Amino acid sequence: MSGHPPVIVYPPSATGGRRVTVRGRIVGLAHGRGDVASFLRRAGLAAGAQEIDLDQPELIEWRGGDRDTWS
């Protein structure tokens, strides 16, 4: 997966939410930025109370919209 950041947030689905993968594995369906941050913590990419910058292109690739696009 070279050339891509470890986290990919896919475009919003027709039924709501955005699929999230970490290192090529689906980790869940996010319905907001908080869900993405939670997935990053569970994957060990951020500490529990650490503020997570979701605008890091080396960490997250947002497809079909940015971190504020959910529908």
PDB file of N, CA and C in Angstrom:
ATOM      1  N   MET A   1       0.808  -1.187   0.000  1.00  0.00           N
ATOM      2  CA  MET A   1       0.000   0.000   0.000  1.00  0.00           C
ATOM      3  C   MET A   1       0.852   1.251   0.000  1.00  0.00           C
ATOM      4  N   SER A   2       2.018   1.175  -0.523  1.00  0.00           N
ATOM      5  CA  SER A   2       2.873   2.347  -0.541  1.00  0.00           C
ATOM      6  C   SER A   2       2.217   3.467  -1.325  1.00  0.00           C
ATOM      7  N   GLY A   3       2.492   4.676  -0.903  1.00  0.00           N
ATOM      8  CA  GLY A   3       1.905   5.825  -1.560  1.00  0.00           C
ATOM      9  C   GLY A   3       0.604   6.282  -0.933  1.00  0.00           C
ATOM     10  N   HIS A   4       0.035   5.475  -0.041  1.00  0.00           N
ATOM     11  CA  HIS A   4      -1.201   5.849   0.640  1.00  0.00           C
ATOM     12  C   HIS A   4      -0.929   5.950   2.134  1.00  0.00           C
ATOM     13  N   PRO A   5      -1.620   6.861   2.808  1.00  0.00           N
ATOM     14  CA  PRO A   5      -1.506   6.909   4.263  1.00  0.00           C
ATOM     15  C   PRO A   5      -2.145   5.651   4.864  1.00  0.00           C
ATOM     16  N   PRO A   6      -1.862   5.349   6.125  1.00  0.00           N
ATOM     17  CA  PRO A   6      -2.407   4.125   6.714  1.00  0.00           C
ATOM     18  C   PRO A   6      -3.918   4.129   6.896  1.00  0.00           C
ATOM     19  N   VAL A   7      -4.533   5.310   6.980  1.00  0.00           N
ATOM     20  CA  VAL A   7      -5.976   5.398   7.215  1.00  0.00           C
ATOM     21  C   VAL A   7      -6.651   5.985   5.982  1.00  0.00           C
ATOM     22  N   ILE A   8      -7.710   5.320   5.528  1.00  0.00           N
ATOM     23  CA  ILE A   8      -8.493   5.845   4.414  1.00  0.00           C
ATOM     24  C   ILE A   8      -9.948   5.931   4.853  1.00  0.00           C
ATOM     25  N   VAL A   9     -10.538   7.105   4.667  1.00  0.00           N
ATOM     26  CA  VAL A   9     -11.953   7.321   4.944  1.00  0.00           C
ATOM     27  C   VAL A   9     -12.628   7.472   3.583  1.00  0.00           C
ATOM     28  N   TYR A  10     -13.531   6.547   3.298  1.00  0.00           N
ATOM     29  CA  TYR A  10     -14.163   6.478   1.981  1.00  0.00           C
ATOM     30  C   TYR A  10     -15.357   7.425   1.882  1.00  0.00           C
ATOM     31  N   PRO A  11     -15.857   7.671   0.664  1.00  0.00           N
ATOM     32  CA  PRO A  11     -16.999   8.582   0.486  1.00  0.00           C
ATOM     33  C   PRO A  11     -18.222   8.125   1.280  1.00  0.00           C
ATOM     34  N   PRO A  12     -19.087   9.067   1.605  1.00  0.00           N
ATOM     35  CA  PRO A  12     -20.315   8.715   2.322  1.00  0.00           C
ATOM     36  C   PRO A  12     -21.138   7.708   1.523  1.00  0.00           C
ATOM     37  N   SER A  13     -21.713   6.743   2.230  1.00  0.00           N
ATOM     38  CA  SER A  13     -22.576   5.756   1.576  1.00  0.00           C
ATOM     39  C   SER A  13     -23.984   6.314   1.448  1.00  0.00           C
ATOM     40  N   ALA A  14     -24.779   5.689   0.610  1.00  0.00           N
ATOM     41  CA  ALA A  14     -26.168   6.125   0.406  1.00  0.00           C
ATOM     42  C   ALA A  14     -27.000   5.966   1.671  1.00  0.00           C
ATOM     43  N   THR A  15     -26.615   5.037   2.536  1.00  0.00           N
ATOM     44  CA  THR A  15     -27.372   4.794   3.760  1.00  0.00           C
ATOM     45  C   THR A  15     -26.806   5.533   4.959  1.00  0.00           C
ATOM     46  N   GLY A  16     -25.714   6.272   4.765  1.00  0.00           N
ATOM     47  CA  GLY A  16     -25.106   7.045   5.841  1.00  0.00           C
ATOM     48  C   GLY A  16     -23.826   6.416   6.338  1.00  0.00           C
ATOM     49  N   GLY A  17     -22.922   7.252   6.763  1.00  0.00           N
ATOM     50  CA  GLY A  17     -21.651   6.788   7.283  1.00  0.00           C
ATOM     51  C   GLY A  17     -20.588   6.659   6.209  1.00  0.00           C
ATOM     52  N   ARG A  18     -19.357   6.535   6.658  1.00  0.00           N
ATOM     53  CA  ARG A  18     -18.208   6.400   5.760  1.00  0.00           C
ATOM     54  C   ARG A  18     -17.350   5.235   6.243  1.00  0.00           C
ATOM     55  N   ARG A  19     -17.037   4.334   5.344  1.00  0.00           N
ATOM     56  CA  ARG A  19     -16.193   3.189   5.684  1.00  0.00           C
ATOM     57  C   ARG A  19     -14.780   3.692   5.969  1.00  0.00           C
ATOM     58  N   VAL A  20     -14.155   3.097   6.974  1.00  0.00           N
ATOM     59  CA  VAL A  20     -12.803   3.481   7.371  1.00  0.00           C
ATOM     60  C   VAL A  20     -11.924   2.236   7.350  1.00  0.00           C
ATOM     61  N   THR A  21     -10.758   2.356   6.710  1.00  0.00           N
ATOM     62  CA  THR A  21      -9.782   1.271   6.748  1.00  0.00           C
ATOM     63  C   THR A  21      -8.503   1.771   7.390  1.00  0.00           C
ATOM     64  N   VAL A  22      -7.830   0.866   8.084  1.00  0.00           N
ATOM     65  CA  VAL A  22      -6.520   1.128   8.656  1.00  0.00           C
ATOM     66  C   VAL A  22      -5.593   0.043   8.145  1.00  0.00           C
ATOM     67  N   ARG A  23      -4.576   0.471   7.420  1.00  0.00           N
ATOM     68  CA  ARG A  23      -3.607  -0.451   6.814  1.00  0.00           C
ATOM     69  C   ARG A  23      -4.299  -1.541   5.994  1.00  0.00           C
ATOM     70  N   GLY A  24      -5.333  -1.120   5.247  1.00  0.00           N
ATOM     71  CA  GLY A  24      -6.017  -2.021   4.333  1.00  0.00           C
ATOM     72  C   GLY A  24      -7.110  -2.885   4.940  1.00  0.00           C
ATOM     73  N   ARG A  25      -7.345  -2.769   6.234  1.00  0.00           N
ATOM     74  CA  ARG A  25      -8.384  -3.565   6.899  1.00  0.00           C
ATOM     75  C   ARG A  25      -9.544  -2.664   7.311  1.00  0.00           C
ATOM     76  N   ILE A  26     -10.753  -3.093   7.024  1.00  0.00           N
ATOM     77  CA  ILE A  26     -11.929  -2.319   7.426  1.00  0.00           C
ATOM     78  C   ILE A  26     -12.039  -2.354   8.943  1.00  0.00           C
ATOM     79  N   VAL A  27     -12.138  -1.158   9.556  1.00  0.00           N
ATOM     80  CA  VAL A  27     -12.262  -1.070  11.009  1.00  0.00           C
ATOM     81  C   VAL A  27     -13.639  -0.607  11.443  1.00  0.00           C
ATOM     82  N   GLY A  28     -14.449  -0.124  10.514  1.00  0.00           N
ATOM     83  CA  GLY A  28     -15.798   0.265  10.878  1.00  0.00           C
ATOM     84  C   GLY A  28     -16.395   1.300   9.960  1.00  0.00           C
ATOM     85  N   LEU A  29     -17.598   1.718  10.346  1.00  0.00           N
ATOM     86  CA  LEU A  29     -18.350   2.729   9.620  1.00  0.00           C
ATOM     87  C   LEU A  29     -18.445   3.957  10.508  1.00  0.00           C
ATOM     88  N   ALA A  30     -17.874   5.047  10.061  1.00  0.00           N
ATOM     89  CA  ALA A  30     -17.877   6.286  10.841  1.00  0.00           C
ATOM     90  C   ALA A  30     -19.063   7.151  10.459  1.00  0.00           C
ATOM     91  N   HIS A  31     -19.660   7.770  11.471  1.00  0.00           N
ATOM     92  CA  HIS A  31     -20.772   8.695  11.241  1.00  0.00           C
ATOM     93  C   HIS A  31     -20.392  10.112  11.645  1.00  0.00           C
ATOM     94  N   GLY A  32     -19.121  10.315  11.965  1.00  0.00           N
ATOM     95  CA  GLY A  32     -18.625  11.631  12.328  1.00  0.00           C
ATOM     96  C   GLY A  32     -17.142  11.552  12.645  1.00  0.00           C
ATOM     97  N   ARG A  33     -16.549  12.705  12.871  1.00  0.00           N
ATOM     98  CA  ARG A  33     -15.113  12.780  13.158  1.00  0.00           C
ATOM     99  C   ARG A  33     -14.730  12.018  14.415  1.00  0.00           C
ATOM    100  N   GLY A  34     -15.618  12.028  15.402  1.00  0.00           N
ATOM    101  CA  GLY A  34     -15.339  11.303  16.648  1.00  0.00           C
ATOM    102  C   GLY A  34     -15.156   9.816  16.418  1.00  0.00           C
ATOM    103  N   ASP A  35     -15.936   9.251  15.508  1.00  0.00           N
ATOM    104  CA  ASP A  35     -15.785   7.832  15.188  1.00  0.00           C
ATOM    105  C   ASP A  35     -14.427   7.562  14.559  1.00  0.00           C
ATOM    106  N   VAL A  36     -13.994   8.435  13.662  1.00  0.00           N
ATOM    107  CA  VAL A  36     -12.682   8.260  13.019  1.00  0.00           C
ATOM    108  C   VAL A  36     -11.592   8.320  14.087  1.00  0.00           C
ATOM    109  N   ALA A  37     -11.670   9.274  14.980  1.00  0.00           N
ATOM    110  CA  ALA A  37     -10.677   9.397  16.053  1.00  0.00           C
ATOM    111  C   ALA A  37     -10.669   8.145  16.924  1.00  0.00           C
ATOM    112  N   SER A  38     -11.829   7.615  17.217  1.00  0.00           N
ATOM    113  CA  SER A  38     -11.933   6.397  18.017  1.00  0.00           C
ATOM    114  C   SER A  38     -11.265   5.212  17.319  1.00  0.00           C
ATOM    115  N   PHE A  39     -11.483   5.089  16.014  1.00  0.00           N
ATOM    116  CA  PHE A  39     -10.845   4.009  15.253  1.00  0.00           C
ATOM    117  C   PHE A  39      -9.322   4.150  15.294  1.00  0.00           C
ATOM    118  N   LEU A  40      -8.826   5.387  15.210  1.00  0.00           N
ATOM    119  CA  LEU A  40      -7.377   5.615  15.259  1.00  0.00           C
ATOM    120  C   LEU A  40      -6.803   5.204  16.613  1.00  0.00           C
ATOM    121  N   ARG A  41      -7.524   5.514  17.679  1.00  0.00           N
ATOM    122  CA  ARG A  41      -7.058   5.119  19.016  1.00  0.00           C
ATOM    123  C   ARG A  41      -7.015   3.605  19.140  1.00  0.00           C
ATOM    124  N   ARG A  42      -8.084   2.936  18.695  1.00  0.00           N
ATOM    125  CA  ARG A  42      -8.133   1.469  18.780  1.00  0.00           C
ATOM    126  C   ARG A  42      -7.038   0.814  17.953  1.00  0.00           C
ATOM    127  N   ALA A  43      -6.640   1.455  16.864  1.00  0.00           N
ATOM    128  CA  ALA A  43      -5.597   0.902  15.994  1.00  0.00           C
ATOM    129  C   ALA A  43      -4.197   1.244  16.515  1.00  0.00           C
ATOM    130  N   GLY A  44      -4.123   2.007  17.611  1.00  0.00           N
ATOM    131  CA  GLY A  44      -2.831   2.358  18.182  1.00  0.00           C
ATOM    132  C   GLY A  44      -2.135   3.508  17.468  1.00  0.00           C
ATOM    133  N   LEU A  45      -2.881   4.268  16.688  1.00  0.00           N
ATOM    134  CA  LEU A  45      -2.299   5.394  15.957  1.00  0.00           C
ATOM    135  C   LEU A  45      -2.394   6.702  16.733  1.00  0.00           C
ATOM    136  N   ALA A  46      -3.024   6.673  17.905  1.00  0.00           N
ATOM    137  CA  ALA A  46      -3.133   7.855  18.756  1.00  0.00           C
ATOM    138  C   ALA A  46      -3.349   7.390  20.193  1.00  0.00           C
ATOM    139  N   ALA A  47      -2.824   8.145  21.139  1.00  0.00           N
ATOM    140  CA  ALA A  47      -3.004   7.829  22.550  1.00  0.00           C
ATOM    141  C   ALA A  47      -4.428   8.168  22.982  1.00  0.00           C
ATOM    142  N   GLY A  48      -4.873   7.566  24.063  1.00  0.00           N
ATOM    143  CA  GLY A  48      -6.238   7.721  24.535  1.00  0.00           C
ATOM    144  C   GLY A  48      -6.753   9.141  24.635  1.00  0.00           C
ATOM    145  N   ALA A  49      -6.067  10.007  25.360  1.00  0.00           N
ATOM    146  CA  ALA A  49      -6.554  11.369  25.571  1.00  0.00           C
ATOM    147  C   ALA A  49      -5.940  12.367  24.590  1.00  0.00           C
ATOM    148  N   GLN A  50      -5.059  11.882  23.744  1.00  0.00           N
ATOM    149  CA  GLN A  50      -4.369  12.767  22.801  1.00  0.00           C
ATOM    150  C   GLN A  50      -5.347  13.383  21.802  1.00  0.00           C
ATOM    151  N   GLU A  51      -5.195  14.671  21.567  1.00  0.00           N
ATOM    152  CA  GLU A  51      -5.967  15.349  20.523  1.00  0.00           C
ATOM    153  C   GLU A  51      -5.479  14.821  19.182  1.00  0.00           C
ATOM    154  N   ILE A  52      -6.396  14.467  18.320  1.00  0.00           N
ATOM    155  CA  ILE A  52      -6.027  13.890  17.034  1.00  0.00           C
ATOM    156  C   ILE A  52      -6.305  14.898  15.929  1.00  0.00           C
ATOM    157  N   ASP A  53      -5.274  15.203  15.162  1.00  0.00           N
ATOM    158  CA  ASP A  53      -5.408  16.111  14.029  1.00  0.00           C
ATOM    159  C   ASP A  53      -5.843  15.285  12.820  1.00  0.00           C
ATOM    160  N   LEU A  54      -7.096  15.413  12.430  1.00  0.00           N
ATOM    161  CA  LEU A  54      -7.634  14.631  11.323  1.00  0.00           C
ATOM    162  C   LEU A  54      -7.287  15.221   9.959  1.00  0.00           C
ATOM    163  N   ASP A  55      -6.501  16.282   9.952  1.00  0.00           N
ATOM    164  CA  ASP A  55      -6.080  16.910   8.694  1.00  0.00           C
ATOM    165  C   ASP A  55      -4.635  16.577   8.336  1.00  0.00           C
ATOM    166  N   GLN A  56      -4.132  15.457   8.794  1.00  0.00           N
ATOM    167  CA  GLN A  56      -2.764  15.045   8.494  1.00  0.00           C
ATOM    168  C   GLN A  56      -2.768  14.153   7.251  1.00  0.00           C
ATOM    169  N   PRO A  57      -2.384  14.679   6.103  1.00  0.00           N
ATOM    170  CA  PRO A  57      -2.429  13.868   4.884  1.00  0.00           C
ATOM    171  C   PRO A  57      -1.503  12.655   4.914  1.00  0.00           C
ATOM    172  N   GLU A  58      -0.473  12.694   5.764  1.00  0.00           N
ATOM    173  CA  GLU A  58       0.396  11.523   5.872  1.00  0.00           C
ATOM    174  C   GLU A  58      -0.235  10.417   6.716  1.00  0.00           C
ATOM    175  N   LEU A  59      -1.318  10.746   7.441  1.00  0.00           N
ATOM    176  CA  LEU A  59      -2.018   9.778   8.284  1.00  0.00           C
ATOM    177  C   LEU A  59      -3.350   9.343   7.687  1.00  0.00           C
ATOM    178  N   ILE A  60      -4.124  10.307   7.159  1.00  0.00           N
ATOM    179  CA  ILE A  60      -5.487  10.022   6.699  1.00  0.00           C
ATOM    180  C   ILE A  60      -5.702  10.532   5.286  1.00  0.00           C
ATOM    181  N   GLU A  61      -6.292   9.692   4.466  1.00  0.00           N
ATOM    182  CA  GLU A  61      -6.731  10.103   3.132  1.00  0.00           C
ATOM    183  C   GLU A  61      -8.253  10.144   3.148  1.00  0.00           C
ATOM    184  N   TRP A  62      -8.803  11.313   2.898  1.00  0.00           N
ATOM    185  CA  TRP A  62     -10.248  11.508   2.849  1.00  0.00           C
ATOM    186  C   TRP A  62     -10.691  11.410   1.396  1.00  0.00           C
ATOM    187  N   ARG A  63     -11.516  10.453   1.087  1.00  0.00           N
ATOM    188  CA  ARG A  63     -12.008  10.283  -0.285  1.00  0.00           C
ATOM    189  C   ARG A  63     -13.471  10.697  -0.358  1.00  0.00           C
ATOM    190  N   GLY A  64     -13.816  11.417  -1.400  1.00  0.00           N
ATOM    191  CA  GLY A  64     -15.206  11.818  -1.584  1.00  0.00           C
ATOM    192  C   GLY A  64     -15.659  12.907  -0.645  1.00  0.00           C
ATOM    193  N   GLY A  65     -14.744  13.718  -0.173  1.00  0.00           N
ATOM    194  CA  GLY A  65     -15.073  14.814   0.727  1.00  0.00           C
ATOM    195  C   GLY A  65     -14.048  14.899   1.841  1.00  0.00           C
ATOM    196  N   ASP A  66     -14.128  15.966   2.614  1.00  0.00           N
ATOM    197  CA  ASP A  66     -13.181  16.145   3.704  1.00  0.00           C
ATOM    198  C   ASP A  66     -13.766  15.667   5.014  1.00  0.00           C
ATOM    199  N   ARG A  67     -13.129  16.037   6.118  1.00  0.00           N
ATOM    200  CA  ARG A  67     -13.563  15.549   7.439  1.00  0.00           C
ATOM    201  C   ARG A  67     -14.931  16.072   7.870  1.00  0.00           C
ATOM    202  N   ASP A  68     -15.446  17.054   7.138  1.00  0.00           N
ATOM    203  CA  ASP A  68     -16.765  17.602   7.459  1.00  0.00           C
ATOM    204  C   ASP A  68     -17.858  17.115   6.519  1.00  0.00           C
ATOM    205  N   THR A  69     -17.554  16.176   5.647  1.00  0.00           N
ATOM    206  CA  THR A  69     -18.524  15.647   4.673  1.00  0.00           C
ATOM    207  C   THR A  69     -19.054  14.302   5.167  1.00  0.00           C
ATOM    208  N   TRP A  70     -20.334  14.287   5.567  1.00  0.00           N
ATOM    209  CA  TRP A  70     -20.909  13.064   6.115  1.00  0.00           C
ATOM    210  C   TRP A  70     -22.198  12.629   5.452  1.00  0.00           C
ATOM    211  N   SER A  71     -22.686  13.368   4.502  1.00  0.00           N
ATOM    212  CA  SER A  71     -23.911  12.907   3.826  1.00  0.00           C
ATOM    213  C   SER A  71     -23.797  13.140   2.334  1.00  0.00           C
TER     214      SER A  71
END
